[in-house]
Amino acid sequence: MTRNIPSLIILFCIVLLVQVFGLSYIRVFNVTPDAVTIFIALAGVTLSQRASTTFGFAAGIVLGIFSENTGMVMGWIMLSRTVEGFIAGFFNIPENSHATTKQKNRRIYNAIIISGLLSGFIVSAVYNPLGFSPLIRIVVLGLLKTLLTVILAFLANIVILKKSLLD
């Protein structure tokens, strides 16, 4: 991934549009796969913790505006996305690293899983569209969101990017 800021911002806007106007209509128990989490994890692994936290906050604002219950969950979405970016930054690979493609992919998937789980837990702790009990809502819906996102990342890795998310 390049460090060209205008290109990253354009890619970020495209990912947000795909999420809001495409993936948000794919629902399993009112949970959608999350392309934004994949982008934030990529930013955390390839750029820096500051960049991924910034992208997470910006994503939280945009996704909060386009959420179904804007007033109730906008702040929680912003918080969860900012935390997601901060956590993804812990998986950063320095620019001069000699990590193999396999190691880089492992870091990306770990960032997606851990930051996605935490983000899913934060949002599902407050937002209860299906009337589930708190334990089911937090654990099951958070895990389901992460599973759908990992499947999306795997498919993107195979179909769109052919060999690797970083190459």
Protein backbone atom coordinates (compact mmCIF):
# COMPACT_ATOMS: atom_id res chain seq x y z
CA MET A 1 0.00 0.00 0.00
CA THR A 2 1.38 3.37 -0.96
CA ARG A 3 1.79 6.34 1.33
CA ASN A 4 0.28 8.71 -1.22
CA ILE A 5 -2.30 10.52 0.92
CA PRO A 6 -4.70 11.64 -1.86
CA SER A 7 -4.84 8.08 -3.22
CA LEU A 8 -5.53 6.69 0.24
CA ILE A 9 -8.31 9.20 0.82
CA ILE A 10 -9.91 8.33 -2.53
CA LEU A 11 -9.64 4.60 -1.74
CA PHE A 12 -11.09 5.27 1.71
CA CYS A 13 -14.07 7.10 0.18
CA ILE A 14 -14.65 4.22 -2.25
CA VAL A 15 -14.58 1.71 0.62
CA LEU A 16 -17.05 3.84 2.58
CA LEU A 17 -19.39 4.05 -0.42
CA VAL A 18 -19.21 0.28 -0.95
CA GLN A 19 -19.95 -0.25 2.73
CA VAL A 20 -22.85 2.20 2.97
CA PHE A 21 -24.52 1.57 -0.38
CA GLY A 22 -23.56 -2.05 -1.04
CA LEU A 23 -22.51 -4.22 1.87
CA SER A 24 -25.00 -2.69 4.30
CA TYR A 25 -27.76 -4.54 2.44
CA ILE A 26 -26.16 -7.95 3.05
CA ARG A 27 -27.48 -8.87 6.49
CA VAL A 28 -27.29 -11.94 8.67
CA PHE A 29 -29.19 -11.35 11.96
CA ASN A 30 -28.92 -7.62 11.20
CA VAL A 31 -25.10 -7.88 11.00
CA THR A 32 -23.20 -6.94 7.84
CA PRO A 33 -19.68 -7.75 6.61
CA ASP A 34 -17.41 -4.76 7.08
CA ALA A 35 -15.06 -3.52 4.34
CA VAL A 36 -14.15 -0.50 6.44
CA THR A 37 -12.63 -2.74 9.12
CA ILE A 38 -10.45 -4.33 6.43
CA PHE A 39 -9.29 -0.90 5.23
CA ILE A 40 -8.58 0.28 8.79
CA ALA A 41 -6.63 -2.93 9.51
CA LEU A 42 -4.60 -2.44 6.31
CA ALA A 43 -3.88 1.16 7.31
CA GLY A 44 -2.82 0.03 10.77
CA VAL A 45 -0.51 -2.69 9.48
CA THR A 46 1.05 -0.79 6.59
CA LEU A 47 1.00 2.86 7.68
CA SER A 48 0.90 3.62 11.40
CA GLN A 49 -1.29 3.58 14.46
CA ARG A 50 -1.97 7.30 14.05
CA ALA A 51 -3.14 6.84 10.45
CA SER A 52 -5.42 3.91 11.28
CA THR A 53 -6.89 5.76 14.27
CA THR A 54 -7.55 8.80 12.08
CA PHE A 55 -9.16 6.68 9.36
CA GLY A 56 -11.21 4.92 12.04
CA PHE A 57 -12.49 8.19 13.47
CA ALA A 58 -13.39 9.50 10.00
CA ALA A 59 -15.14 6.23 9.19
CA GLY A 60 -17.06 6.48 12.45
CA ILE A 61 -18.33 9.92 11.54
CA VAL A 62 -19.44 8.90 8.05
CA LEU A 63 -20.94 5.56 9.08
CA GLY A 64 -22.61 7.20 12.08
CA ILE A 65 -24.30 9.71 9.80
CA PHE A 66 -25.57 6.95 7.51
CA SER A 67 -26.63 4.60 10.32
CA GLU A 68 -30.29 3.77 10.88
CA ASN A 69 -30.55 5.36 14.33
CA THR A 70 -28.21 8.30 13.90
CA GLY A 71 -28.95 10.02 17.19
CA MET A 72 -28.62 6.97 19.38
CA VAL A 73 -25.58 5.22 17.97
CA MET A 74 -23.49 7.82 16.15
CA GLY A 75 -21.20 8.47 19.09
CA TRP A 76 -20.82 4.76 19.77
CA ILE A 77 -19.95 4.08 16.13
CA MET A 78 -17.35 6.86 16.22
CA LEU A 79 -15.89 5.44 19.44
CA SER A 80 -15.83 1.87 18.16
CA ARG A 81 -14.16 2.83 14.86
CA THR A 82 -11.55 4.98 16.61
CA VAL A 83 -10.74 2.14 19.00
CA GLU A 84 -10.67 -0.23 16.03
CA GLY A 85 -8.05 1.92 14.30
CA PHE A 86 -6.02 2.26 17.49
CA ILE A 87 -5.98 -1.51 18.05
CA ALA A 88 -5.14 -2.22 14.38
CA GLY A 89 -2.11 0.05 14.73
CA PHE A 90 -0.57 -2.37 17.22
CA PHE A 91 -0.06 -4.78 14.32
CA ASN A 92 2.03 -2.29 12.36
CA ILE A 93 4.91 -3.68 10.33
CA PRO A 94 7.78 -1.17 10.03
CA GLU A 95 8.63 -0.02 6.52
CA ASN A 96 12.15 -1.50 6.61
CA SER A 97 10.94 -4.87 7.92
CA HIS A 98 11.95 -8.08 6.17
CA ALA A 99 8.64 -9.80 6.91
CA THR A 100 7.46 -12.34 4.39
CA THR A 101 4.14 -12.09 2.62
CA LYS A 102 2.78 -14.85 4.82
CA GLN A 103 3.77 -12.94 7.97
CA LYS A 104 2.22 -9.74 6.61
CA ASN A 105 -1.02 -11.52 5.76
CA ARG A 106 -1.12 -13.06 9.24
CA ARG A 107 -0.71 -9.62 10.78
CA ILE A 108 -3.52 -8.21 8.62
CA TYR A 109 -5.92 -11.02 9.52
CA ASN A 110 -5.01 -10.70 13.21
CA ALA A 111 -5.67 -6.95 13.04
CA ILE A 112 -9.01 -7.56 11.32
CA ILE A 113 -10.07 -10.16 13.89
CA ILE A 114 -9.03 -8.38 17.08
CA SER A 115 -9.97 -4.83 16.12
CA GLY A 116 -13.19 -6.04 14.47
CA LEU A 117 -14.16 -8.04 17.56
CA LEU A 118 -13.59 -5.11 19.86
CA SER A 119 -15.46 -2.73 17.57
CA GLY A 120 -18.33 -5.21 17.25
CA PHE A 121 -18.50 -5.65 21.01
CA ILE A 122 -18.68 -1.89 21.59
CA VAL A 123 -21.48 -1.29 19.09
CA SER A 124 -23.48 -4.40 19.97
CA ALA A 125 -23.32 -3.50 23.67
CA VAL A 126 -25.50 -0.46 22.95
CA TYR A 127 -27.40 -1.22 19.77
CA ASN A 128 -30.07 -3.93 20.05
CA PRO A 129 -32.20 -4.07 16.90
CA LEU A 130 -33.41 -7.64 17.42
CA GLY A 131 -34.16 -7.52 21.15
CA PHE A 132 -31.53 -10.09 22.17
CA SER A 133 -30.25 -10.41 25.72
CA PRO A 134 -27.00 -8.53 26.40
CA LEU A 135 -24.78 -11.63 26.43
CA ILE A 136 -26.11 -12.99 23.15
CA ARG A 137 -26.03 -9.54 21.59
CA ILE A 138 -22.44 -8.77 22.56
CA VAL A 139 -20.87 -12.17 22.03
CA VAL A 140 -22.84 -13.68 19.17
CA LEU A 141 -23.39 -10.54 17.09
CA GLY A 142 -19.81 -9.33 17.69
CA LEU A 143 -18.44 -12.72 16.66
CA LEU A 144 -20.76 -12.90 13.66
CA LYS A 145 -19.65 -9.46 12.43
CA THR A 146 -16.01 -10.48 12.74
CA LEU A 147 -16.60 -13.80 10.97
CA LEU A 148 -18.38 -12.10 8.06
CA THR A 149 -15.59 -9.52 7.82
CA VAL A 150 -12.86 -12.17 7.78
CA ILE A 151 -14.72 -14.04 5.04
CA LEU A 152 -14.95 -10.78 3.07
CA ALA A 153 -11.21 -10.15 3.56
CA PHE A 154 -10.41 -13.69 2.45
CA LEU A 155 -12.58 -13.31 -0.66
CA ALA A 156 -11.02 -9.92 -1.43
CA ASN A 157 -7.59 -11.47 -1.02
CA ILE A 158 -8.38 -14.28 -3.45
CA VAL A 159 -10.68 -12.63 -5.99
CA ILE A 160 -9.69 -8.97 -6.18
CA LEU A 161 -6.10 -8.85 -5.08
CA LYS A 162 -5.13 -12.31 -6.39
CA LYS A 163 -2.12 -13.16 -4.22
CA SER A 164 -1.78 -10.88 -1.24
CA LEU A 165 -3.38 -7.93 0.46
CA LEU A 166 0.01 -6.19 0.55
CA ASP A 167 1.72 -7.07 -2.75
